[in-house]
Amino acid sequence: MAATPMMQQYEDAKAVCGDALLLFRMGDFYELFHEDAKTAARVLG
């Protein structure tokens, strides 16, 4: 299955700054994806 344009943007950004947690604005809130979400959940509790 092909990535959505937003997920492609996420993957491109992770390739450039992979060690940073990327937060994407989705409407009025922000989301983290994949390993970034797992890391944030572990650190923030």
N, C-alpha and C. Protein backbone atom coordinates (compact mmCIF):
# COMPACT_ATOMS: atom_id res chain seq x y z
N MET A 1 0.85 -1.18 0.00
CA MET A 1 0.00 0.00 0.00
C MET A 1 0.89 1.24 0.00
N ALA A 2 0.55 2.20 -0.80
CA ALA A 2 1.32 3.44 -0.90
C ALA A 2 1.05 4.33 0.31
N ALA A 3 2.09 5.06 0.70
CA ALA A 3 1.95 6.00 1.82
C ALA A 3 1.09 7.18 1.40
N THR A 4 0.34 7.72 2.36
CA THR A 4 -0.41 8.94 2.08
C THR A 4 0.59 10.09 1.92
N PRO A 5 0.18 11.20 1.32
CA PRO A 5 1.10 12.33 1.18
C PRO A 5 1.64 12.82 2.53
N MET A 6 0.80 12.81 3.57
CA MET A 6 1.25 13.25 4.89
C MET A 6 2.29 12.29 5.46
N MET A 7 2.06 10.99 5.31
CA MET A 7 3.03 10.02 5.83
C MET A 7 4.31 10.05 5.01
N GLN A 8 4.22 10.35 3.74
CA GLN A 8 5.43 10.51 2.93
C GLN A 8 6.23 11.71 3.42
N GLN A 9 5.54 12.78 3.77
CA GLN A 9 6.20 13.96 4.33
C GLN A 9 6.89 13.60 5.64
N TYR A 10 6.22 12.81 6.48
CA TYR A 10 6.80 12.36 7.74
C TYR A 10 8.07 11.54 7.48
N GLU A 11 7.99 10.58 6.59
CA GLU A 11 9.14 9.72 6.28
C GLU A 11 10.31 10.54 5.74
N ASP A 12 10.02 11.51 4.88
CA ASP A 12 11.07 12.37 4.34
C ASP A 12 11.73 13.19 5.44
N ALA A 13 10.93 13.73 6.35
CA ALA A 13 11.48 14.52 7.46
C ALA A 13 12.30 13.65 8.40
N LYS A 14 11.84 12.42 8.69
CA LYS A 14 12.59 11.51 9.56
C LYS A 14 13.93 11.14 8.94
N ALA A 15 13.97 11.05 7.63
CA ALA A 15 15.23 10.73 6.95
C ALA A 15 16.25 11.85 7.14
N VAL A 16 15.78 13.07 7.27
CA VAL A 16 16.68 14.22 7.45
C VAL A 16 17.07 14.39 8.91
N CYS A 17 16.12 14.28 9.82
CA CYS A 17 16.39 14.53 11.25
C CYS A 17 15.84 13.39 12.09
N GLY A 18 16.35 12.21 11.82
CA GLY A 18 15.83 10.99 12.44
C GLY A 18 15.93 10.92 13.94
N ASP A 19 16.86 11.67 14.55
CA ASP A 19 17.00 11.59 16.00
C ASP A 19 16.04 12.52 16.74
N ALA A 20 15.28 13.33 16.02
CA ALA A 20 14.32 14.25 16.63
C ALA A 20 12.93 13.62 16.65
N LEU A 21 12.15 13.95 17.67
CA LEU A 21 10.75 13.56 17.68
C LEU A 21 9.99 14.55 16.80
N LEU A 22 9.24 14.04 15.84
CA LEU A 22 8.49 14.90 14.94
C LEU A 22 7.03 14.93 15.35
N LEU A 23 6.53 16.13 15.58
CA LEU A 23 5.12 16.33 15.89
C LEU A 23 4.46 16.97 14.68
N PHE A 24 3.38 16.35 14.22
CA PHE A 24 2.66 16.86 13.06
C PHE A 24 1.35 17.47 13.52
N ARG A 25 1.09 18.69 13.07
CA ARG A 25 -0.18 19.34 13.40
C ARG A 25 -1.28 18.75 12.54
N MET A 26 -2.30 18.26 13.22
CA MET A 26 -3.45 17.65 12.55
C MET A 26 -4.70 18.39 13.05
N GLY A 27 -5.07 19.44 12.35
CA GLY A 27 -6.19 20.26 12.80
C GLY A 27 -5.75 21.13 13.97
N ASP A 28 -6.41 20.95 15.11
CA ASP A 28 -6.12 21.76 16.30
C ASP A 28 -5.17 21.08 17.28
N PHE A 29 -4.61 19.94 16.92
CA PHE A 29 -3.73 19.22 17.84
C PHE A 29 -2.54 18.66 17.09
N TYR A 30 -1.62 18.06 17.82
CA TYR A 30 -0.41 17.49 17.24
C TYR A 30 -0.38 15.99 17.47
N GLU A 31 0.23 15.27 16.53
CA GLU A 31 0.35 13.81 16.64
C GLU A 31 1.79 13.39 16.41
N LEU A 32 2.16 12.28 17.04
CA LEU A 32 3.43 11.61 16.80
C LEU A 32 3.12 10.27 16.17
N PHE A 33 4.05 9.74 15.39
CA PHE A 33 3.82 8.49 14.68
C PHE A 33 4.96 7.50 14.91
N HIS A 34 4.64 6.24 14.75
CA HIS A 34 5.60 5.13 14.78
C HIS A 34 6.45 5.17 16.05
N GLU A 35 7.76 5.05 15.92
CA GLU A 35 8.65 5.00 17.08
C GLU A 35 8.62 6.30 17.88
N ASP A 36 8.37 7.43 17.22
CA ASP A 36 8.26 8.70 17.95
C ASP A 36 7.14 8.63 18.97
N ALA A 37 6.01 8.05 18.61
CA ALA A 37 4.87 7.91 19.53
C ALA A 37 5.23 6.99 20.69
N LYS A 38 5.91 5.90 20.41
CA LYS A 38 6.31 4.97 21.48
C LYS A 38 7.29 5.64 22.44
N THR A 39 8.24 6.38 21.89
CA THR A 39 9.22 7.08 22.73
C THR A 39 8.53 8.12 23.61
N ALA A 40 7.65 8.91 23.03
CA ALA A 40 6.94 9.94 23.79
C ALA A 40 6.08 9.30 24.89
N ALA A 41 5.41 8.20 24.59
CA ALA A 41 4.58 7.53 25.59
C ALA A 41 5.43 7.03 26.75
N ARG A 42 6.60 6.50 26.45
CA ARG A 42 7.48 5.99 27.50
C ARG A 42 8.02 7.13 28.35
N VAL A 43 8.44 8.22 27.74
CA VAL A 43 9.06 9.33 28.46
C VAL A 43 8.02 10.14 29.23
N LEU A 44 6.86 10.37 28.62
CA LEU A 44 5.85 11.23 29.24
C LEU A 44 4.91 10.48 30.17
N GLY A 45 4.87 9.17 30.01
CA GLY A 45 4.04 8.35 30.89
C GLY A 45 2.62 8.27 30.55
